[in-house]
Amino acid sequence: MQSELTRIRSMYRRALTALRDSGIPFMVGGAYALGLHTQIHRETKDLDIFTLPRDCPEVLKLFADLGYPSRMVARHWLGKVTWEDAVIDIIT
């Protein structure tokens, strides 16, 4: 049986692969970007994705189509994608 962390990372990989393949411009931020650029790693249960405000609805729809509940939580700058204990923040 997969550990919770392994399952969450698998979800993030699936989501990022779909986002990359969609051609929608985005950047990864937060703890995952910090770890890549500084080798300072910390466990986190969220993934921060930055995109342009005009692309946010398309990003949320893409993740919803993958089966991940997706919604805007702060109208002008923050969307949330959830799956079990995992969260993806879509920041504009």
Protein backbone atom coordinates (compact mmCIF):
# COMPACT_ATOMS: atom_id res chain seq x y z
CA MET A 1 0.00 0.00 0.00
CA GLN A 2 1.32 3.46 -0.93
CA SER A 3 2.13 5.89 1.81
CA GLU A 4 0.06 9.07 1.99
CA LEU A 5 3.03 11.18 0.88
CA THR A 6 3.67 8.94 -2.13
CA ARG A 7 -0.01 9.19 -3.16
CA ILE A 8 0.00 12.98 -2.81
CA ARG A 9 3.18 13.31 -4.86
CA SER A 10 1.65 11.06 -7.51
CA MET A 11 -1.39 13.36 -7.65
CA TYR A 12 0.89 16.39 -8.01
CA ARG A 13 2.82 14.69 -10.83
CA ARG A 14 -0.40 13.85 -12.65
CA ALA A 15 -1.69 17.40 -12.26
CA LEU A 16 1.59 19.01 -13.34
CA THR A 17 1.92 16.71 -16.34
CA ALA A 18 -1.59 17.59 -17.49
CA LEU A 19 -0.91 21.28 -16.94
CA ARG A 20 2.37 21.14 -18.86
CA ASP A 21 0.72 19.22 -21.69
CA SER A 22 -2.12 21.77 -21.86
CA GLY A 23 0.21 24.57 -22.89
CA ILE A 24 -1.22 26.94 -20.27
CA PRO A 25 1.66 29.08 -18.96
CA PHE A 26 2.49 28.50 -15.28
CA MET A 27 5.29 28.48 -12.73
CA VAL A 28 5.79 26.31 -9.66
CA GLY A 29 6.44 28.19 -6.42
CA GLY A 30 6.47 27.57 -2.69
CA ALA A 31 8.26 24.72 -0.97
CA TYR A 32 8.74 22.66 -4.13
CA ALA A 33 10.43 25.53 -5.99
CA LEU A 34 12.50 26.38 -2.90
CA GLY A 35 13.71 22.78 -2.70
CA LEU A 36 14.68 22.68 -6.37
CA HIS A 37 16.60 25.94 -6.33
CA THR A 38 18.22 25.82 -2.89
CA GLN A 39 18.26 22.12 -1.95
CA ILE A 40 16.40 23.16 1.22
CA HIS A 41 13.56 20.67 1.41
CA ARG A 42 10.59 20.70 3.73
CA GLU A 43 7.54 18.50 3.67
CA THR A 44 4.40 20.26 2.62
CA LYS A 45 0.89 19.21 1.69
CA ASP A 46 0.34 21.94 -0.83
CA LEU A 47 1.71 22.81 -4.23
CA ASP A 48 1.77 26.44 -5.32
CA ILE A 49 1.14 27.14 -9.00
CA PHE A 50 1.37 30.66 -10.38
CA THR A 51 -0.47 31.62 -13.55
CA LEU A 52 -1.88 34.70 -15.21
CA PRO A 53 -5.30 35.84 -13.97
CA ARG A 54 -6.83 35.25 -17.41
CA ASP A 55 -5.61 31.61 -17.37
CA CYS A 56 -6.81 30.72 -13.87
CA PRO A 57 -10.32 29.56 -14.91
CA GLU A 58 -8.79 27.28 -17.55
CA VAL A 59 -6.34 25.81 -15.02
CA LEU A 60 -9.17 25.14 -12.55
CA LYS A 61 -11.26 23.50 -15.28
CA LEU A 62 -8.32 21.32 -16.32
CA PHE A 63 -7.91 20.03 -12.77
CA ALA A 64 -11.68 19.59 -12.32
CA ASP A 65 -11.71 17.51 -15.52
CA LEU A 66 -9.05 15.29 -13.90
CA GLY A 67 -11.47 14.70 -11.02
CA TYR A 68 -9.97 17.13 -8.51
CA PRO A 69 -12.48 19.52 -6.90
CA SER A 70 -11.46 23.03 -7.99
CA ARG A 71 -12.79 26.47 -7.09
CA MET A 72 -11.91 30.12 -6.67
CA VAL A 73 -11.60 31.04 -3.00
CA ALA A 74 -10.42 34.63 -3.36
CA ARG A 75 -11.92 36.11 -6.47
CA HIS A 76 -8.97 38.14 -7.64
CA TRP A 77 -5.99 35.94 -6.84
CA LEU A 78 -6.48 32.44 -5.39
CA GLY A 79 -7.96 29.18 -6.61
CA LYS A 80 -7.86 25.87 -4.73
CA VAL A 81 -7.68 22.33 -6.00
CA THR A 82 -8.16 19.56 -3.46
CA TRP A 83 -7.82 15.80 -3.38
CA GLU A 84 -7.90 13.87 -0.13
CA ASP A 85 -5.31 15.71 2.04
CA ALA A 86 -3.56 17.36 -0.92
CA VAL A 87 -4.04 20.98 -1.95
CA ILE A 88 -2.89 22.88 -5.02
CA ASP A 89 -3.06 26.66 -4.71
CA ILE A 90 -3.52 28.48 -8.00
CA ILE A 91 -2.11 31.96 -7.45
CA THR A 92 -2.47 34.79 -9.95
